[in-house]
Amino acid sequence: MTLAKQIKPISYLKASTAEAVRTVMETGEPLFITQNGEAKIVVQDIRVYEETQETLALLKILALGEAEVNRSETVPMSDAIEAARQKLKQ
């Protein structure tokens, strides 16, 4: 589906909500809703939204890890494993 077909005015959403939901569910593509000619909201399948949120969370974790590496805030794996073993013994 082309992006132009995914952009609809708010009047379309008001008049054809069931059709809009069906289209989003069938295609998996978001629907961009405009108001007064400006993009205002995105209607998206909940499963796609959840997958996007999970992906963003993983990317944030990777960015945090990379920042720690860049600041030399890492420890050798053998030291980390030994520290974990010591905590488990306690």
PDB file of N, CA and C in Angstrom:
ATOM      1  N   MET A   1       0.848  -1.178   0.000  1.00  0.00           N
ATOM      2  CA  MET A   1       0.000   0.000   0.000  1.00  0.00           C
ATOM      3  C   MET A   1       0.895   1.243   0.000  1.00  0.00           C
ATOM      4  N   THR A   2       0.550   2.225  -0.800  1.00  0.00           N
ATOM      5  CA  THR A   2       1.351   3.440  -0.851  1.00  0.00           C
ATOM      6  C   THR A   2       0.994   4.346   0.314  1.00  0.00           C
ATOM      7  N   LEU A   3       1.918   5.196   0.662  1.00  0.00           N
ATOM      8  CA  LEU A   3       1.700   6.095   1.790  1.00  0.00           C
ATOM      9  C   LEU A   3       0.506   7.007   1.545  1.00  0.00           C
ATOM     10  N   ALA A   4       0.309   7.435   0.312  1.00  0.00           N
ATOM     11  CA  ALA A   4      -0.814   8.321  -0.001  1.00  0.00           C
ATOM     12  C   ALA A   4      -2.155   7.676   0.345  1.00  0.00           C
ATOM     13  N   LYS A   5      -2.263   6.378   0.201  1.00  0.00           N
ATOM     14  CA  LYS A   5      -3.510   5.683   0.529  1.00  0.00           C
ATOM     15  C   LYS A   5      -3.702   5.531   2.036  1.00  0.00           C
ATOM     16  N   GLN A   6      -2.653   5.750   2.808  1.00  0.00           N
ATOM     17  CA  GLN A   6      -2.714   5.600   4.249  1.00  0.00           C
ATOM     18  C   GLN A   6      -3.007   6.916   4.958  1.00  0.00           C
ATOM     19  N   ILE A   7      -3.104   7.992   4.219  1.00  0.00           N
ATOM     20  CA  ILE A   7      -3.381   9.305   4.803  1.00  0.00           C
ATOM     21  C   ILE A   7      -4.842   9.642   4.552  1.00  0.00           C
ATOM     22  N   LYS A   8      -5.563   9.862   5.649  1.00  0.00           N
ATOM     23  CA  LYS A   8      -7.001  10.132   5.550  1.00  0.00           C
ATOM     24  C   LYS A   8      -7.362  11.306   6.456  1.00  0.00           C
ATOM     25  N   PRO A   9      -8.371  12.075   6.062  1.00  0.00           N
ATOM     26  CA  PRO A   9      -8.845  13.155   6.944  1.00  0.00           C
ATOM     27  C   PRO A   9      -9.639  12.571   8.108  1.00  0.00           C
ATOM     28  N   ILE A  10      -9.745  13.343   9.150  1.00  0.00           N
ATOM     29  CA  ILE A  10     -10.474  12.883  10.332  1.00  0.00           C
ATOM     30  C   ILE A  10     -11.930  12.571  10.000  1.00  0.00           C
ATOM     31  N   SER A  11     -12.492  13.234   9.010  1.00  0.00           N
ATOM     32  CA  SER A  11     -13.882  12.957   8.621  1.00  0.00           C
ATOM     33  C   SER A  11     -14.034  11.521   8.115  1.00  0.00           C
ATOM     34  N   TYR A  12     -12.987  10.990   7.467  1.00  0.00           N
ATOM     35  CA  TYR A  12     -13.029   9.584   7.024  1.00  0.00           C
ATOM     36  C   TYR A  12     -13.100   8.671   8.241  1.00  0.00           C
ATOM     37  N   LEU A  13     -12.292   8.957   9.245  1.00  0.00           N
ATOM     38  CA  LEU A  13     -12.287   8.119  10.447  1.00  0.00           C
ATOM     39  C   LEU A  13     -13.636   8.177  11.155  1.00  0.00           C
ATOM     40  N   LYS A  14     -14.223   9.351  11.210  1.00  0.00           N
ATOM     41  CA  LYS A  14     -15.536   9.503  11.852  1.00  0.00           C
ATOM     42  C   LYS A  14     -16.614   8.718  11.106  1.00  0.00           C
ATOM     43  N   ALA A  15     -16.583   8.804   9.781  1.00  0.00           N
ATOM     44  CA  ALA A  15     -17.638   8.185   8.966  1.00  0.00           C
ATOM     45  C   ALA A  15     -17.401   6.702   8.704  1.00  0.00           C
ATOM     46  N   SER A  16     -16.143   6.264   8.748  1.00  0.00           N
ATOM     47  CA  SER A  16     -15.820   4.890   8.336  1.00  0.00           C
ATOM     48  C   SER A  16     -14.892   4.198   9.322  1.00  0.00           C
ATOM     49  N   THR A  17     -15.194   4.325  10.600  1.00  0.00           N
ATOM     50  CA  THR A  17     -14.315   3.760  11.628  1.00  0.00           C
ATOM     51  C   THR A  17     -14.116   2.258  11.452  1.00  0.00           C
ATOM     52  N   ALA A  18     -15.201   1.522  11.241  1.00  0.00           N
ATOM     53  CA  ALA A  18     -15.088   0.064  11.100  1.00  0.00           C
ATOM     54  C   ALA A  18     -14.223  -0.296   9.890  1.00  0.00           C
ATOM     55  N   GLU A  19     -14.394   0.399   8.797  1.00  0.00           N
ATOM     56  CA  GLU A  19     -13.584   0.138   7.608  1.00  0.00           C
ATOM     57  C   GLU A  19     -12.118   0.475   7.866  1.00  0.00           C
ATOM     58  N   ALA A  20     -11.875   1.569   8.560  1.00  0.00           N
ATOM     59  CA  ALA A  20     -10.500   1.959   8.881  1.00  0.00           C
ATOM     60  C   ALA A  20      -9.821   0.896   9.738  1.00  0.00           C
ATOM     61  N   VAL A  21     -10.533   0.420  10.745  1.00  0.00           N
ATOM     62  CA  VAL A  21      -9.978  -0.619  11.620  1.00  0.00           C
ATOM     63  C   VAL A  21      -9.708  -1.894  10.826  1.00  0.00           C
ATOM     64  N   ARG A  22     -10.632  -2.289   9.996  1.00  0.00           N
ATOM     65  CA  ARG A  22     -10.467  -3.493   9.181  1.00  0.00           C
ATOM     66  C   ARG A  22      -9.248  -3.363   8.272  1.00  0.00           C
ATOM     67  N   THR A  23      -9.082  -2.217   7.643  1.00  0.00           N
ATOM     68  CA  THR A  23      -7.944  -1.997   6.744  1.00  0.00           C
ATOM     69  C   THR A  23      -6.623  -2.080   7.495  1.00  0.00           C
ATOM     70  N   VAL A  24      -6.562  -1.435   8.653  1.00  0.00           N
ATOM     71  CA  VAL A  24      -5.337  -1.464   9.458  1.00  0.00           C
ATOM     72  C   VAL A  24      -5.024  -2.894   9.894  1.00  0.00           C
ATOM     73  N   MET A  25      -6.036  -3.628  10.310  1.00  0.00           N
ATOM     74  CA  MET A  25      -5.842  -5.006  10.763  1.00  0.00           C
ATOM     75  C   MET A  25      -5.404  -5.918   9.615  1.00  0.00           C
ATOM     76  N   GLU A  26      -6.001  -5.743   8.448  1.00  0.00           N
ATOM     77  CA  GLU A  26      -5.683  -6.608   7.307  1.00  0.00           C
ATOM     78  C   GLU A  26      -4.304  -6.324   6.733  1.00  0.00           C
ATOM     79  N   THR A  27      -3.945  -5.055   6.634  1.00  0.00           N
ATOM     80  CA  THR A  27      -2.679  -4.697   5.985  1.00  0.00           C
ATOM     81  C   THR A  27      -1.509  -4.642   6.958  1.00  0.00           C
ATOM     82  N   GLY A  28      -1.798  -4.396   8.222  1.00  0.00           N
ATOM     83  CA  GLY A  28      -0.728  -4.218   9.196  1.00  0.00           C
ATOM     84  C   GLY A  28      -0.070  -2.856   9.073  1.00  0.00           C
ATOM     85  N   GLU A  29      -0.544  -2.044   8.146  1.00  0.00           N
ATOM     86  CA  GLU A  29       0.009  -0.714   7.926  1.00  0.00           C
ATOM     87  C   GLU A  29      -0.758   0.310   8.755  1.00  0.00           C
ATOM     88  N   PRO A  30      -0.083   1.345   9.226  1.00  0.00           N
ATOM     89  CA  PRO A  30      -0.776   2.370   9.996  1.00  0.00           C
ATOM     90  C   PRO A  30      -1.621   3.271   9.097  1.00  0.00           C
ATOM     91  N   LEU A  31      -2.544   3.958   9.716  1.00  0.00           N
ATOM     92  CA  LEU A  31      -3.388   4.921   9.026  1.00  0.00           C
ATOM     93  C   LEU A  31      -3.097   6.277   9.654  1.00  0.00           C
ATOM     94  N   PHE A  32      -2.710   7.237   8.832  1.00  0.00           N
ATOM     95  CA  PHE A  32      -2.376   8.574   9.312  1.00  0.00           C
ATOM     96  C   PHE A  32      -3.600   9.469   9.154  1.00  0.00           C
ATOM     97  N   ILE A  33      -4.024  10.070  10.245  1.00  0.00           N
ATOM     98  CA  ILE A  33      -5.226  10.893  10.242  1.00  0.00           C
ATOM     99  C   ILE A  33      -4.825  12.368  10.304  1.00  0.00           C
ATOM    100  N   THR A  34      -5.409  13.144   9.396  1.00  0.00           N
ATOM    101  CA  THR A  34      -5.116  14.569   9.356  1.00  0.00           C
ATOM    102  C   THR A  34      -6.307  15.370   9.882  1.00  0.00           C
ATOM    103  N   GLN A  35      -6.000  16.548  10.371  1.00  0.00           N
ATOM    104  CA  GLN A  35      -7.026  17.494  10.797  1.00  0.00           C
ATOM    105  C   GLN A  35      -6.578  18.859  10.308  1.00  0.00           C
ATOM    106  N   ASN A  36      -7.436  19.504   9.558  1.00  0.00           N
ATOM    107  CA  ASN A  36      -7.100  20.791   8.943  1.00  0.00           C
ATOM    108  C   ASN A  36      -5.828  20.705   8.111  1.00  0.00           C
ATOM    109  N   GLY A  37      -5.652  19.572   7.416  1.00  0.00           N
ATOM    110  CA  GLY A  37      -4.517  19.393   6.524  1.00  0.00           C
ATOM    111  C   GLY A  37      -3.213  19.009   7.181  1.00  0.00           C
ATOM    112  N   GLU A  38      -3.197  18.866   8.488  1.00  0.00           N
ATOM    113  CA  GLU A  38      -1.976  18.500   9.211  1.00  0.00           C
ATOM    114  C   GLU A  38      -2.122  17.114   9.821  1.00  0.00           C
ATOM    115  N   ALA A  39      -1.067  16.324   9.745  1.00  0.00           N
ATOM    116  CA  ALA A  39      -1.076  15.004  10.375  1.00  0.00           C
ATOM    117  C   ALA A  39      -1.215  15.185  11.881  1.00  0.00           C
ATOM    118  N   LYS A  40      -2.164  14.444  12.481  1.00  0.00           N
ATOM    119  CA  LYS A  40      -2.417  14.581  13.922  1.00  0.00           C
ATOM    120  C   LYS A  40      -2.233  13.283  14.691  1.00  0.00           C
ATOM    121  N   ILE A  41      -2.726  12.175  14.148  1.00  0.00           N
ATOM    122  CA  ILE A  41      -2.632  10.906  14.870  1.00  0.00           C
ATOM    123  C   ILE A  41      -2.317   9.774  13.903  1.00  0.00           C
ATOM    124  N   VAL A  42      -1.921   8.648  14.491  1.00  0.00           N
ATOM    125  CA  VAL A  42      -1.677   7.423  13.741  1.00  0.00           C
ATOM    126  C   VAL A  42      -2.539   6.328  14.352  1.00  0.00           C
ATOM    127  N   VAL A  43      -3.267   5.613  13.523  1.00  0.00           N
ATOM    128  CA  VAL A  43      -4.053   4.460  13.959  1.00  0.00           C
ATOM    129  C   VAL A  43      -3.255   3.230  13.555  1.00  0.00           C
ATOM    130  N   GLN A  44      -2.947   2.385  14.531  1.00  0.00           N
ATOM    131  CA  GLN A  44      -2.044   1.266  14.283  1.00  0.00           C
ATOM    132  C   GLN A  44      -2.566  -0.001  14.952  1.00  0.00           C
ATOM    133  N   ASP A  45      -2.325  -1.141  14.320  1.00  0.00           N
ATOM    134  CA  ASP A  45      -2.666  -2.440  14.892  1.00  0.00           C
ATOM    135  C   ASP A  45      -1.939  -2.583  16.229  1.00  0.00           C
ATOM    136  N   ILE A  46      -2.627  -3.046  17.259  1.00  0.00           N
ATOM    137  CA  ILE A  46      -2.039  -3.146  18.597  1.00  0.00           C
ATOM    138  C   ILE A  46      -0.839  -4.084  18.626  1.00  0.00           C
ATOM    139  N   ARG A  47      -0.880  -5.155  17.843  1.00  0.00           N
ATOM    140  CA  ARG A  47       0.267  -6.081  17.824  1.00  0.00           C
ATOM    141  C   ARG A  47       1.498  -5.412  17.239  1.00  0.00           C
ATOM    142  N   VAL A  48       1.312  -4.642  16.185  1.00  0.00           N
ATOM    143  CA  VAL A  48       2.431  -3.916  15.577  1.00  0.00           C
ATOM    144  C   VAL A  48       2.964  -2.872  16.554  1.00  0.00           C
ATOM    145  N   TYR A  49       2.064  -2.192  17.251  1.00  0.00           N
ATOM    146  CA  TYR A  49       2.470  -1.200  18.248  1.00  0.00           C
ATOM    147  C   TYR A  49       3.314  -1.850  19.346  1.00  0.00           C
ATOM    148  N   GLU A  50       2.849  -2.989  19.861  1.00  0.00           N
ATOM    149  CA  GLU A  50       3.582  -3.686  20.920  1.00  0.00           C
ATOM    150  C   GLU A  50       4.957  -4.140  20.437  1.00  0.00           C
ATOM    151  N   GLU A  51       5.034  -4.648  19.209  1.00  0.00           N
ATOM    152  CA  GLU A  51       6.322  -5.058  18.650  1.00  0.00           C
ATOM    153  C   GLU A  51       7.262  -3.856  18.537  1.00  0.00           C
ATOM    154  N   THR A  52       6.723  -2.727  18.132  1.00  0.00           N
ATOM    155  CA  THR A  52       7.525  -1.511  18.016  1.00  0.00           C
ATOM    156  C   THR A  52       8.048  -1.081  19.381  1.00  0.00           C
ATOM    157  N   GLN A  53       7.202  -1.135  20.397  1.00  0.00           N
ATOM    158  CA  GLN A  53       7.618  -0.762  21.743  1.00  0.00           C
ATOM    159  C   GLN A  53       8.707  -1.698  22.274  1.00  0.00           C
ATOM    160  N   GLU A  54       8.573  -2.999  22.007  1.00  0.00           N
ATOM    161  CA  GLU A  54       9.589  -3.957  22.430  1.00  0.00           C
ATOM    162  C   GLU A  54      10.911  -3.684  21.721  1.00  0.00           C
ATOM    163  N   THR A  55      10.846  -3.383  20.436  1.00  0.00           N
ATOM    164  CA  THR A  55      12.051  -3.072  19.671  1.00  0.00           C
ATOM    165  C   THR A  55      12.724  -1.821  20.223  1.00  0.00           C
ATOM    166  N   LEU A  56      11.936  -0.792  20.520  1.00  0.00           N
ATOM    167  CA  LEU A  56      12.503   0.426  21.092  1.00  0.00           C
ATOM    168  C   LEU A  56      13.163   0.161  22.438  1.00  0.00           C
ATOM    169  N   ALA A  57      12.546  -0.665  23.259  1.00  0.00           N
ATOM    170  CA  ALA A  57      13.128  -0.992  24.563  1.00  0.00           C
ATOM    171  C   ALA A  57      14.475  -1.690  24.391  1.00  0.00           C
ATOM    172  N   LEU A  58      14.547  -2.629  23.449  1.00  0.00           N
ATOM    173  CA  LEU A  58      15.812  -3.320  23.201  1.00  0.00           C
ATOM    174  C   LEU A  58      16.875  -2.359  22.678  1.00  0.00           C
ATOM    175  N   LEU A  59      16.485  -1.449  21.802  1.00  0.00           N
ATOM    176  CA  LEU A  59      17.436  -0.461  21.290  1.00  0.00           C
ATOM    177  C   LEU A  59      17.952   0.445  22.401  1.00  0.00           C
ATOM    178  N   LYS A  60      17.083   0.814  23.347  1.00  0.00           N
ATOM    179  CA  LYS A  60      17.513   1.630  24.479  1.00  0.00           C
ATOM    180  C   LYS A  60      18.525   0.874  25.337  1.00  0.00           C
ATOM    181  N   ILE A  61      18.263  -0.414  25.555  1.00  0.00           N
ATOM    182  CA  ILE A  61      19.199  -1.232  26.341  1.00  0.00           C
ATOM    183  C   ILE A  61      20.554  -1.307  25.638  1.00  0.00           C
ATOM    184  N   LEU A  62      20.531  -1.512  24.325  1.00  0.00           N
ATOM    185  CA  LEU A  62      21.784  -1.553  23.566  1.00  0.00           C
ATOM    186  C   LEU A  62      22.525  -0.221  23.637  1.00  0.00           C
ATOM    187  N   ALA A  63      21.800   0.883  23.550  1.00  0.00           N
ATOM    188  CA  ALA A  63      22.424   2.205  23.624  1.00  0.00           C
ATOM    189  C   ALA A  63      23.046   2.431  24.997  1.00  0.00           C
ATOM    190  N   LEU A  64      22.346   2.001  26.056  1.00  0.00           N
ATOM    191  CA  LEU A  64      22.906   2.117  27.405  1.00  0.00           C
ATOM    192  C   LEU A  64      24.185   1.296  27.535  1.00  0.00           C
ATOM    193  N   GLY A  65      24.165   0.093  27.001  1.00  0.00           N
ATOM    194  CA  GLY A  65      25.356  -0.758  27.047  1.00  0.00           C
ATOM    195  C   GLY A  65      26.513  -0.156  26.277  1.00  0.00           C
ATOM    196  N   GLU A  66      26.228   0.380  25.109  1.00  0.00           N
ATOM    197  CA  GLU A  66      27.281   1.007  24.304  1.00  0.00           C
ATOM    198  C   GLU A  66      27.865   2.211  25.029  1.00  0.00           C
ATOM    199  N   ALA A  67      27.005   2.985  25.689  1.00  0.00           N
ATOM    200  CA  ALA A  67      27.486   4.143  26.440  1.00  0.00           C
ATOM    201  C   ALA A  67      28.400   3.697  27.589  1.00  0.00           C
ATOM    202  N   GLU A  68      28.046   2.599  28.251  1.00  0.00           N
ATOM    203  CA  GLU A  68      28.905   2.075  29.328  1.00  0.00           C
ATOM    204  C   GLU A  68      30.256   1.639  28.784  1.00  0.00           C
ATOM    205  N   VAL A  69      30.261   0.999  27.636  1.00  0.00           N
ATOM    206  CA  VAL A  69      31.524   0.587  27.014  1.00  0.00           C
ATOM    207  C   VAL A  69      32.359   1.821  26.686  1.00  0.00           C
ATOM    208  N   ASN A  70      31.730   2.842  26.116  1.00  0.00           N
ATOM    209  CA  ASN A  70      32.454   4.059  25.751  1.00  0.00           C
ATOM    210  C   ASN A  70      33.023   4.782  26.967  1.00  0.00           C
ATOM    211  N   ARG A  71      32.378   4.632  28.133  1.00  0.00           N
ATOM    212  CA  ARG A  71      32.865   5.253  29.362  1.00  0.00           C
ATOM    213  C   ARG A  71      33.786   4.303  30.142  1.00  0.00           C
ATOM    214  N   SER A  72      34.113   3.179  29.543  1.00  0.00           N
ATOM    215  CA  SER A  72      34.969   2.164  30.184  1.00  0.00           C
ATOM    216  C   SER A  72      34.385   1.700  31.515  1.00  0.00           C
ATOM    217  N   GLU A  73      33.088   1.520  31.558  1.00  0.00           N
ATOM    218  CA  GLU A  73      32.409   1.060  32.770  1.00  0.00           C
ATOM    219  C   GLU A  73      32.044  -0.420  32.663  1.00  0.00           C
ATOM    220  N   THR A  74      32.932  -1.198  32.119  1.00  0.00           N
ATOM    221  CA  THR A  74      32.681  -2.625  31.974  1.00  0.00           C
ATOM    222  C   THR A  74      33.659  -3.409  32.842  1.00  0.00           C
ATOM    223  N   VAL A  75      33.312  -4.656  33.092  1.00  0.00           N
ATOM    224  CA  VAL A  75      34.203  -5.555  33.830  1.00  0.00           C
ATOM    225  C   VAL A  75      34.378  -6.822  33.014  1.00  0.00           C
ATOM    226  N   PRO A  76      35.486  -7.503  33.170  1.00  0.00           N
ATOM    227  CA  PRO A  76      35.659  -8.767  32.452  1.00  0.00           C
ATOM    228  C   PRO A  76      34.553  -9.753  32.834  1.00  0.00           C
ATOM    229  N   MET A  77      34.153 -10.571  31.884  1.00  0.00           N
ATOM    230  CA  MET A  77      33.066 -11.518  32.112  1.00  0.00           C
ATOM    231  C   MET A  77      33.391 -12.465  33.270  1.00  0.00           C
ATOM    232  N   SER A  78      34.626 -12.889  33.368  1.00  0.00           N
ATOM    233  CA  SER A  78      34.991 -13.808  34.456  1.00  0.00           C
ATOM    234  C   SER A  78      34.765 -13.158  35.826  1.00  0.00           C
ATOM    235  N   ASP A  79      35.039 -11.862  35.937  1.00  0.00           N
ATOM    236  CA  ASP A  79      34.803 -11.154  37.198  1.00  0.00           C
ATOM    237  C   ASP A  79      33.301 -11.051  37.488  1.00  0.00           C
ATOM    238  N   ALA A  80      32.509 -10.784  36.462  1.00  0.00           N
ATOM    239  CA  ALA A  80      31.056 -10.676  36.635  1.00  0.00           C
ATOM    240  C   ALA A  80      30.468 -12.015  37.067  1.00  0.00           C
ATOM    241  N   ILE A  81      30.941 -13.103  36.465  1.00  0.00           N
ATOM    242  CA  ILE A  81      30.448 -14.438  36.829  1.00  0.00           C
ATOM    243  C   ILE A  81      30.832 -14.774  38.259  1.00  0.00           C
ATOM    244  N   GLU A  82      32.037 -14.456  38.636  1.00  0.00           N
ATOM    245  CA  GLU A  82      32.486 -14.729  40.003  1.00  0.00           C
ATOM    246  C   GLU A  82      31.669 -13.925  41.011  1.00  0.00           C
ATOM    247  N   ALA A  83      31.387 -12.662  40.698  1.00  0.00           N
ATOM    248  CA  ALA A  83      30.582 -11.830  41.593  1.00  0.00           C
ATOM    249  C   ALA A  83      29.168 -12.397  41.724  1.00  0.00           C
ATOM    250  N   ALA A  84      28.606 -12.879  40.618  1.00  0.00           N
ATOM    251  CA  ALA A  84      27.268 -13.478  40.656  1.00  0.00           C
ATOM    252  C   ALA A  84      27.271 -14.744  41.503  1.00  0.00           C
ATOM    253  N   ARG A  85      28.305 -15.553  41.362  1.00  0.00           N
ATOM    254  CA  ARG A  85      28.399 -16.786  42.171  1.00  0.00           C
ATOM    255  C   ARG A  85      28.490 -16.458  43.651  1.00  0.00           C
ATOM    256  N   GLN A  86      29.253 -15.429  43.989  1.00  0.00           N
ATOM    257  CA  GLN A  86      29.395 -15.038  45.388  1.00  0.00           C
ATOM    258  C   GLN A  86      28.045 -14.572  45.956  1.00  0.00           C
ATOM    259  N   LYS A  87      27.275 -13.834  45.158  1.00  0.00           N
ATOM    260  CA  LYS A  87      25.964 -13.366  45.621  1.00  0.00           C
ATOM    261  C   LYS A  87      25.013 -14.540  45.821  1.00  0.00           C
ATOM    262  N   LEU A  88      25.097 -15.525  44.959  1.00  0.00           N
ATOM    263  CA  LEU A  88      24.231 -16.698  45.082  1.00  0.00           C
ATOM    264  C   LEU A  88      24.539 -17.497  46.343  1.00  0.00           C
ATOM    265  N   LYS A  89      25.780 -17.511  46.749  1.00  0.00           N
ATOM    266  CA  LYS A  89      26.179 -18.223  47.961  1.00  0.00           C
ATOM    267  C   LYS A  89      25.633 -17.566  49.226  1.00  0.00           C
ATOM    268  N   GLN A  90      25.397 -16.267  49.155  1.00  0.00           N
ATOM    269  CA  GLN A  90      24.951 -15.521  50.344  1.00  0.00           C
ATOM    270  C   GLN A  90      23.528 -15.759  50.671  1.00  0.00           C
TER     271      GLN A  90
END
